[in-house]
Every structure is written in C-alpha cells, then in structure tokens.
Amino acid sequence: MHIECPSCSTENKIEFGENIICSECKKTFSGHTYKKFKKPLISATTALIIGAIGAIGAHRVDKHLLEEKRYPVNVEYELINSCINSSRNPIEKYRYIKKTQICTCALEATMSEVSFKEMNENETAFLSRFRSNINDCR
C-alpha cells in the first residue's frame, strides 16, 4: 500500500497493505495510493461574494432604519424660514433666536412623525402636526 506523508508529501510504501481488507467486499487495499483531501466548506470566491452581499445589505439596513429621516435641505430651510418670519414684521434679536429654536424643535419633531413622502401627499396633515409641535416646543 502507498500512503503519502501529510507533512512532506513523500509517497511511502507500507508492506502490510495486503493484510488490510475491505469489510464489505473482502478485497485488499494493496496497490493503491491514498491521499487525504481537505475540502473547504465554501470556496474563497463564494465567501467574498457572500461577505460583499452582507455588507451591502447591512449598509442599506443602516441607511434606511438607523439614519435620521431628514427632508431635503432646501425644504427644511424654507419651512424654518417661513415659520420664523411668518409675521413679516421686524423683531428683536432675542425673539428671533427664540423663534428659531421653537421652529427648529417643531420641525425636528414633525420630521420624526411625518415622512417627506407623506408631507408631499397630505400637506394639510403635515401643517396640522407642525403647528401642534410649535405649541409643544414653546
């Protein structure tokens, strides 16, 4: 029987190969070469593809579930600006700062309750929530 050494890959002949027989067919193992093959569970390419898909999926989950839900910057600016300057009258600096804080607070609260898509679909509901949040932020 020929057996390959797992350390140095040298082929070795073992004399007692004729004495080892198959328990099923009763034939000897003599005259055969045996080599142990280590099969990976998955190939390196498959592992890389699975890892890349997992990373992309995790990024999408993170982006859609964990990030703040914001309106476009120009929309946020217009909403806050119109909230602050709704009276169209000049106001003192300390009142302007206080109004800015109230309008920003109200917009942040409203954005967490009403998505940008919902705002576009039902402006009346958005304005109702925004006004309610202005009163809550005072």
N, C-alpha and C. Protein backbone atom coordinates (compact mmCIF):
# COMPACT_ATOMS: atom_id res chain seq x y z
N MET A 1 0.86 -1.16 0.00
CA MET A 1 0.00 0.00 0.00
C MET A 1 0.90 1.22 0.00
N HIS A 2 0.49 2.26 -0.76
CA HIS A 2 1.24 3.50 -0.83
C HIS A 2 0.45 4.59 -0.10
N ILE A 3 1.12 5.26 0.81
CA ILE A 3 0.50 6.35 1.57
C ILE A 3 1.38 7.58 1.46
N GLU A 4 0.76 8.72 1.15
CA GLU A 4 1.51 9.98 1.04
C GLU A 4 1.61 10.62 2.42
N CYS A 5 2.81 11.03 2.78
CA CYS A 5 3.06 11.67 4.06
C CYS A 5 2.37 13.04 4.08
N PRO A 6 1.57 13.33 5.10
CA PRO A 6 0.88 14.62 5.15
C PRO A 6 1.83 15.79 5.41
N SER A 7 3.00 15.54 5.96
CA SER A 7 3.95 16.62 6.27
C SER A 7 4.81 17.01 5.08
N CYS A 8 5.38 16.01 4.39
CA CYS A 8 6.33 16.33 3.32
C CYS A 8 5.87 15.86 1.95
N SER A 9 4.71 15.24 1.83
CA SER A 9 4.13 14.75 0.58
C SER A 9 4.95 13.66 -0.10
N THR A 10 5.79 12.97 0.64
CA THR A 10 6.55 11.86 0.09
C THR A 10 5.69 10.61 0.11
N GLU A 11 5.76 9.85 -0.99
CA GLU A 11 4.99 8.62 -1.08
C GLU A 11 5.73 7.51 -0.35
N ASN A 12 5.04 6.80 0.51
CA ASN A 12 5.63 5.71 1.31
C ASN A 12 4.89 4.42 1.00
N LYS A 13 5.67 3.32 0.93
CA LYS A 13 5.07 2.01 0.71
C LYS A 13 5.02 1.28 2.04
N ILE A 14 3.84 0.81 2.36
CA ILE A 14 3.67 0.07 3.61
C ILE A 14 3.41 -1.38 3.22
N GLU A 15 4.18 -2.27 3.82
CA GLU A 15 4.17 -3.68 3.44
C GLU A 15 2.90 -4.42 3.84
N PHE A 16 2.23 -3.98 4.86
CA PHE A 16 1.10 -4.77 5.34
C PHE A 16 -0.21 -4.41 4.65
N GLY A 17 -0.15 -3.74 3.49
CA GLY A 17 -1.35 -3.39 2.74
C GLY A 17 -2.16 -4.61 2.33
N GLU A 18 -1.47 -5.74 2.09
CA GLU A 18 -2.17 -6.96 1.71
C GLU A 18 -2.99 -7.52 2.86
N ASN A 19 -2.62 -7.14 4.07
CA ASN A 19 -3.32 -7.67 5.25
C ASN A 19 -4.56 -6.85 5.62
N ILE A 20 -4.72 -5.68 4.99
CA ILE A 20 -5.90 -4.84 5.28
C ILE A 20 -6.91 -5.12 4.19
N ILE A 21 -8.12 -5.51 4.59
CA ILE A 21 -9.15 -5.84 3.61
C ILE A 21 -10.43 -5.06 3.90
N CYS A 22 -11.20 -4.86 2.85
CA CYS A 22 -12.48 -4.17 2.95
C CYS A 22 -13.45 -5.06 3.71
N SER A 23 -14.16 -4.49 4.64
CA SER A 23 -15.11 -5.29 5.43
C SER A 23 -16.32 -5.72 4.61
N GLU A 24 -16.57 -5.03 3.49
CA GLU A 24 -17.73 -5.35 2.66
C GLU A 24 -17.40 -6.36 1.57
N CYS A 25 -16.41 -6.04 0.70
CA CYS A 25 -16.12 -6.90 -0.45
C CYS A 25 -14.96 -7.86 -0.21
N LYS A 26 -14.25 -7.73 0.88
CA LYS A 26 -13.14 -8.62 1.30
C LYS A 26 -11.92 -8.52 0.39
N LYS A 27 -11.75 -7.42 -0.37
CA LYS A 27 -10.57 -7.23 -1.20
C LYS A 27 -9.54 -6.42 -0.42
N THR A 28 -8.24 -6.60 -0.78
CA THR A 28 -7.17 -5.90 -0.07
C THR A 28 -7.02 -4.48 -0.62
N PHE A 29 -6.35 -3.65 0.15
CA PHE A 29 -6.07 -2.28 -0.25
C PHE A 29 -4.71 -2.15 -0.92
N SER A 30 -4.04 -3.24 -1.20
CA SER A 30 -2.70 -3.19 -1.76
C SER A 30 -2.73 -2.66 -3.20
N GLY A 31 -1.66 -1.92 -3.57
CA GLY A 31 -1.51 -1.39 -4.92
C GLY A 31 -2.22 -0.06 -5.16
N HIS A 32 -2.77 0.52 -4.14
CA HIS A 32 -3.48 1.79 -4.27
C HIS A 32 -2.72 2.89 -3.53
N THR A 33 -2.87 4.12 -4.00
CA THR A 33 -2.28 5.29 -3.34
C THR A 33 -3.41 6.06 -2.68
N TYR A 34 -3.20 6.46 -1.46
CA TYR A 34 -4.21 7.18 -0.70
C TYR A 34 -3.70 8.57 -0.37
N LYS A 35 -4.58 9.52 -0.50
CA LYS A 35 -4.21 10.89 -0.20
C LYS A 35 -5.43 11.55 0.44
N LYS A 36 -5.20 12.30 1.49
CA LYS A 36 -6.29 12.98 2.17
C LYS A 36 -6.47 14.36 1.53
N PHE A 37 -7.69 14.63 1.09
CA PHE A 37 -8.01 15.92 0.50
C PHE A 37 -8.83 16.71 1.51
N LYS A 38 -8.40 17.93 1.77
CA LYS A 38 -9.17 18.82 2.65
C LYS A 38 -10.05 19.68 1.77
N LYS A 39 -11.33 19.46 1.86
CA LYS A 39 -12.28 20.23 1.07
C LYS A 39 -12.79 21.39 1.92
N PRO A 40 -12.66 22.59 1.40
CA PRO A 40 -13.24 23.71 2.15
C PRO A 40 -14.76 23.64 2.06
N LEU A 41 -15.42 24.16 3.08
CA LEU A 41 -16.88 24.16 3.07
C LEU A 41 -17.41 25.03 1.93
N ILE A 42 -16.78 26.20 1.73
CA ILE A 42 -17.14 27.06 0.61
C ILE A 42 -15.85 27.63 0.04
N SER A 43 -15.87 27.96 -1.23
CA SER A 43 -14.68 28.49 -1.86
C SER A 43 -14.44 29.92 -1.39
N ALA A 44 -13.22 30.39 -1.59
CA ALA A 44 -12.88 31.76 -1.20
C ALA A 44 -13.71 32.77 -1.98
N THR A 45 -13.95 32.50 -3.25
CA THR A 45 -14.76 33.41 -4.07
C THR A 45 -16.19 33.49 -3.54
N THR A 46 -16.76 32.36 -3.19
CA THR A 46 -18.11 32.34 -2.64
C THR A 46 -18.16 33.12 -1.33
N ALA A 47 -17.14 32.93 -0.49
CA ALA A 47 -17.09 33.65 0.79
C ALA A 47 -17.02 35.16 0.55
N LEU A 48 -16.24 35.58 -0.43
CA LEU A 48 -16.13 37.01 -0.73
C LEU A 48 -17.46 37.57 -1.23
N ILE A 49 -18.13 36.82 -2.08
CA ILE A 49 -19.42 37.27 -2.62
C ILE A 49 -20.45 37.38 -1.49
N ILE A 50 -20.49 36.36 -0.63
CA ILE A 50 -21.43 36.39 0.50
C ILE A 50 -21.11 37.57 1.43
N GLY A 51 -19.82 37.81 1.67
CA GLY A 51 -19.42 38.94 2.51
C GLY A 51 -19.81 40.27 1.90
N ALA A 52 -19.63 40.40 0.58
CA ALA A 52 -19.97 41.66 -0.09
C ALA A 52 -21.48 41.90 -0.05
N ILE A 53 -22.25 40.85 -0.29
CA ILE A 53 -23.71 40.97 -0.25
C ILE A 53 -24.15 41.35 1.16
N GLY A 54 -23.55 40.72 2.16
CA GLY A 54 -23.88 41.03 3.55
C GLY A 54 -23.56 42.47 3.90
N ALA A 55 -22.41 42.96 3.42
CA ALA A 55 -22.01 44.34 3.70
C ALA A 55 -22.96 45.33 3.04
N ILE A 56 -23.35 45.05 1.81
CA ILE A 56 -24.29 45.93 1.10
C ILE A 56 -25.64 45.93 1.81
N GLY A 57 -26.09 44.75 2.18
CA GLY A 57 -27.38 44.65 2.88
C GLY A 57 -27.35 45.37 4.22
N ALA A 58 -26.26 45.22 4.95
CA ALA A 58 -26.13 45.90 6.24
C ALA A 58 -26.12 47.41 6.06
N HIS A 59 -25.45 47.88 5.01
CA HIS A 59 -25.41 49.32 4.74
C HIS A 59 -26.81 49.85 4.43
N ARG A 60 -27.55 49.09 3.64
CA ARG A 60 -28.91 49.53 3.30
C ARG A 60 -29.81 49.54 4.53
N VAL A 61 -29.71 48.51 5.36
CA VAL A 61 -30.50 48.47 6.59
C VAL A 61 -30.14 49.65 7.47
N ASP A 62 -28.83 49.89 7.61
CA ASP A 62 -28.36 51.01 8.42
C ASP A 62 -28.87 52.33 7.85
N LYS A 63 -28.80 52.48 6.55
CA LYS A 63 -29.20 53.73 5.90
C LYS A 63 -30.69 53.99 6.09
N HIS A 64 -31.52 52.96 5.95
CA HIS A 64 -32.96 53.16 5.99
C HIS A 64 -33.55 53.09 7.39
N LEU A 65 -32.94 52.37 8.29
CA LEU A 65 -33.54 52.21 9.61
C LEU A 65 -32.87 53.04 10.70
N LEU A 66 -31.58 53.25 10.57
CA LEU A 66 -30.85 53.87 11.67
C LEU A 66 -30.53 55.35 11.45
N GLU A 67 -30.46 55.78 10.21
CA GLU A 67 -30.16 57.19 9.95
C GLU A 67 -31.37 58.05 10.27
N GLU A 68 -31.09 59.32 10.56
CA GLU A 68 -32.18 60.25 10.77
C GLU A 68 -32.97 60.40 9.48
N LYS A 69 -34.27 60.51 9.63
CA LYS A 69 -35.12 60.72 8.46
C LYS A 69 -35.22 62.23 8.27
N ARG A 70 -34.56 62.74 7.25
CA ARG A 70 -34.49 64.18 7.01
C ARG A 70 -35.21 64.52 5.72
N TYR A 71 -35.69 65.76 5.68
CA TYR A 71 -36.23 66.31 4.45
C TYR A 71 -35.05 66.90 3.67
N PRO A 72 -35.25 67.15 2.38
CA PRO A 72 -34.18 67.83 1.64
C PRO A 72 -33.85 69.17 2.32
N VAL A 73 -32.58 69.56 2.25
CA VAL A 73 -32.10 70.76 2.94
C VAL A 73 -32.91 72.00 2.54
N ASN A 74 -33.17 72.16 1.26
CA ASN A 74 -33.90 73.36 0.83
C ASN A 74 -35.32 73.39 1.41
N VAL A 75 -35.94 72.23 1.58
CA VAL A 75 -37.28 72.17 2.17
C VAL A 75 -37.22 72.53 3.64
N GLU A 76 -36.24 71.99 4.35
CA GLU A 76 -36.07 72.33 5.77
C GLU A 76 -35.87 73.83 5.94
N TYR A 77 -35.01 74.40 5.11
CA TYR A 77 -34.73 75.84 5.19
C TYR A 77 -36.01 76.66 4.97
N GLU A 78 -36.75 76.31 3.94
CA GLU A 78 -37.97 77.05 3.63
C GLU A 78 -38.99 76.96 4.76
N LEU A 79 -39.12 75.77 5.35
CA LEU A 79 -40.09 75.59 6.44
C LEU A 79 -39.69 76.40 7.67
N ILE A 80 -38.42 76.33 8.03
CA ILE A 80 -37.97 77.08 9.21
C ILE A 80 -38.03 78.58 8.95
N ASN A 81 -37.60 79.01 7.78
CA ASN A 81 -37.61 80.44 7.44
C ASN A 81 -39.04 80.99 7.45
N SER A 82 -39.98 80.26 6.86
CA SER A 82 -41.36 80.75 6.85
C SER A 82 -41.97 80.72 8.26
N CYS A 83 -41.56 79.77 9.06
CA CYS A 83 -42.03 79.70 10.45
C CYS A 83 -41.53 80.91 11.25
N ILE A 84 -40.25 81.22 11.11
CA ILE A 84 -39.65 82.34 11.85
C ILE A 84 -40.22 83.67 11.39
N ASN A 85 -40.34 83.85 10.09
CA ASN A 85 -40.75 85.13 9.52
C ASN A 85 -42.23 85.19 9.16
N SER A 86 -43.05 84.40 9.82
CA SER A 86 -44.47 84.35 9.48
C SER A 86 -45.19 85.67 9.70
N SER A 87 -44.74 86.47 10.66
CA SER A 87 -45.42 87.74 10.94
C SER A 87 -45.01 88.85 9.97
N ARG A 88 -43.90 88.67 9.29
CA ARG A 88 -43.36 89.64 8.33
C ARG A 88 -43.00 90.99 8.96
N ASN A 89 -43.02 91.06 10.26
CA ASN A 89 -42.64 92.28 10.97
C ASN A 89 -41.24 92.12 11.54
N PRO A 90 -40.48 93.19 11.60
CA PRO A 90 -39.15 93.10 12.21
C PRO A 90 -39.29 92.75 13.70
N ILE A 91 -38.41 91.90 14.18
CA ILE A 91 -38.43 91.51 15.59
C ILE A 91 -37.04 91.66 16.18
N GLU A 92 -37.01 91.75 17.48
CA GLU A 92 -35.74 91.90 18.18
C GLU A 92 -34.95 90.60 18.08
N LYS A 93 -33.64 90.74 18.26
CA LYS A 93 -32.72 89.61 18.09
C LYS A 93 -33.05 88.46 19.03
N TYR A 94 -33.29 88.73 20.31
CA TYR A 94 -33.57 87.65 21.27
C TYR A 94 -34.86 86.91 20.91
N ARG A 95 -35.87 87.62 20.36
CA ARG A 95 -37.11 86.96 19.92
C ARG A 95 -36.87 86.13 18.66
N TYR A 96 -36.02 86.63 17.78
CA TYR A 96 -35.66 85.90 16.57
C TYR A 96 -34.97 84.58 16.94
N ILE A 97 -34.04 84.65 17.90
CA ILE A 97 -33.33 83.44 18.36
C ILE A 97 -34.31 82.46 18.99
N LYS A 98 -35.21 82.96 19.82
CA LYS A 98 -36.20 82.09 20.47
C LYS A 98 -37.13 81.46 19.43
N LYS A 99 -37.57 82.24 18.46
CA LYS A 99 -38.43 81.72 17.40
C LYS A 99 -37.71 80.66 16.57
N THR A 100 -36.42 80.89 16.31
CA THR A 100 -35.62 79.91 15.58
C THR A 100 -35.57 78.59 16.33
N GLN A 101 -35.36 78.66 17.63
CA GLN A 101 -35.32 77.45 18.46
C GLN A 101 -36.66 76.71 18.44
N ILE A 102 -37.75 77.45 18.55
CA ILE A 102 -39.08 76.84 18.54
C ILE A 102 -39.38 76.20 17.19
N CYS A 103 -39.08 76.91 16.10
CA CYS A 103 -39.36 76.38 14.76
C CYS A 103 -38.50 75.17 14.44
N THR A 104 -37.24 75.20 14.87
CA THR A 104 -36.35 74.05 14.66
C THR A 104 -36.82 72.85 15.45
N CYS A 105 -37.20 73.07 16.70
CA CYS A 105 -37.74 72.00 17.55
C CYS A 105 -38.98 71.38 16.91
N ALA A 106 -39.89 72.24 16.44
CA ALA A 106 -41.13 71.76 15.83
C ALA A 106 -40.86 70.96 14.56
N LEU A 107 -39.93 71.44 13.75
CA LEU A 107 -39.63 70.72 12.51
C LEU A 107 -38.99 69.36 12.80
N GLU A 108 -38.07 69.30 13.76
CA GLU A 108 -37.46 68.01 14.13
C GLU A 108 -38.52 67.03 14.61
N ALA A 109 -39.44 67.48 15.45
CA ALA A 109 -40.50 66.61 15.95
C ALA A 109 -41.40 66.15 14.80
N THR A 110 -41.73 67.06 13.90
CA THR A 110 -42.61 66.73 12.78
C THR A 110 -41.94 65.75 11.82
N MET A 111 -40.64 65.93 11.57
CA MET A 111 -39.93 65.02 10.66
C MET A 111 -39.92 63.60 11.21
N SER A 112 -39.89 63.44 12.54
CA SER A 112 -39.90 62.08 13.09
C SER A 112 -41.28 61.45 13.02
N GLU A 113 -42.31 62.28 12.83
CA GLU A 113 -43.69 61.78 12.76
C GLU A 113 -44.22 61.65 11.33
N VAL A 114 -43.79 62.55 10.46
CA VAL A 114 -44.32 62.61 9.09
C VAL A 114 -43.15 62.54 8.11
N SER A 115 -43.15 61.54 7.26
CA SER A 115 -42.08 61.40 6.27
C SER A 115 -42.22 62.46 5.19
N PHE A 116 -41.15 62.65 4.44
CA PHE A 116 -41.18 63.63 3.34
C PHE A 116 -42.23 63.23 2.31
N LYS A 117 -42.34 61.94 2.05
CA LYS A 117 -43.33 61.45 1.09
C LYS A 117 -44.74 61.75 1.59
N GLU A 118 -44.98 61.50 2.89
CA GLU A 118 -46.30 61.79 3.47
C GLU A 118 -46.60 63.28 3.44
N MET A 119 -45.56 64.11 3.67
CA MET A 119 -45.74 65.56 3.63
C MET A 119 -46.21 66.00 2.24
N ASN A 120 -45.60 65.42 1.19
CA ASN A 120 -45.99 65.78 -0.17
C ASN A 120 -47.38 65.28 -0.52
N GLU A 121 -47.78 64.15 0.04
CA GLU A 121 -49.08 63.57 -0.27
C GLU A 121 -50.23 64.26 0.48
N ASN A 122 -49.95 64.73 1.72
CA ASN A 122 -51.02 65.32 2.52
C ASN A 122 -50.46 66.52 3.29
N GLU A 123 -50.43 67.66 2.61
CA GLU A 123 -49.85 68.88 3.20
C GLU A 123 -50.65 69.37 4.40
N THR A 124 -51.95 69.19 4.37
CA THR A 124 -52.81 69.63 5.47
C THR A 124 -52.47 68.89 6.76
N ALA A 125 -52.29 67.58 6.67
CA ALA A 125 -51.93 66.79 7.85
C ALA A 125 -50.55 67.19 8.37
N PHE A 126 -49.63 67.45 7.43
CA PHE A 126 -48.29 67.89 7.84
C PHE A 126 -48.38 69.21 8.60
N LEU A 127 -49.10 70.20 8.05
CA LEU A 127 -49.20 71.51 8.69
C LEU A 127 -49.87 71.41 10.06
N SER A 128 -50.84 70.54 10.18
CA SER A 128 -51.51 70.33 11.46
C SER A 128 -50.52 69.81 12.51
N ARG A 129 -49.72 68.83 12.12
CA ARG A 129 -48.71 68.28 13.04
C ARG A 129 -47.65 69.32 13.37
N PHE A 130 -47.23 70.08 12.36
CA PHE A 130 -46.20 71.10 12.55
C PHE A 130 -46.69 72.17 13.53
N ARG A 131 -47.92 72.66 13.34
CA ARG A 131 -48.49 73.67 14.26
C ARG A 131 -48.61 73.13 15.68
N SER A 132 -49.05 71.89 15.79
CA SER A 132 -49.15 71.26 17.10
C SER A 132 -47.78 71.18 17.78
N ASN A 133 -46.78 70.82 17.01
CA ASN A 133 -45.42 70.72 17.55
C ASN A 133 -44.85 72.09 17.91
N ILE A 134 -45.25 73.14 17.19
CA ILE A 134 -44.81 74.51 17.56
C ILE A 134 -45.32 74.82 18.96
N ASN A 135 -46.58 74.50 19.21
CA ASN A 135 -47.14 74.76 20.55
C ASN A 135 -46.44 73.93 21.63
N ASP A 136 -46.09 72.68 21.30
CA ASP A 136 -45.39 71.82 22.25
C ASP A 136 -43.98 72.31 22.55
N CYS A 137 -43.35 72.96 21.59
CA CYS A 137 -41.95 73.41 21.73
C CYS A 137 -41.84 74.76 22.44
N ARG A 138 -42.94 75.45 22.65
CA ARG A 138 -42.90 76.77 23.32
C ARG A 138 -42.57 76.66 24.76
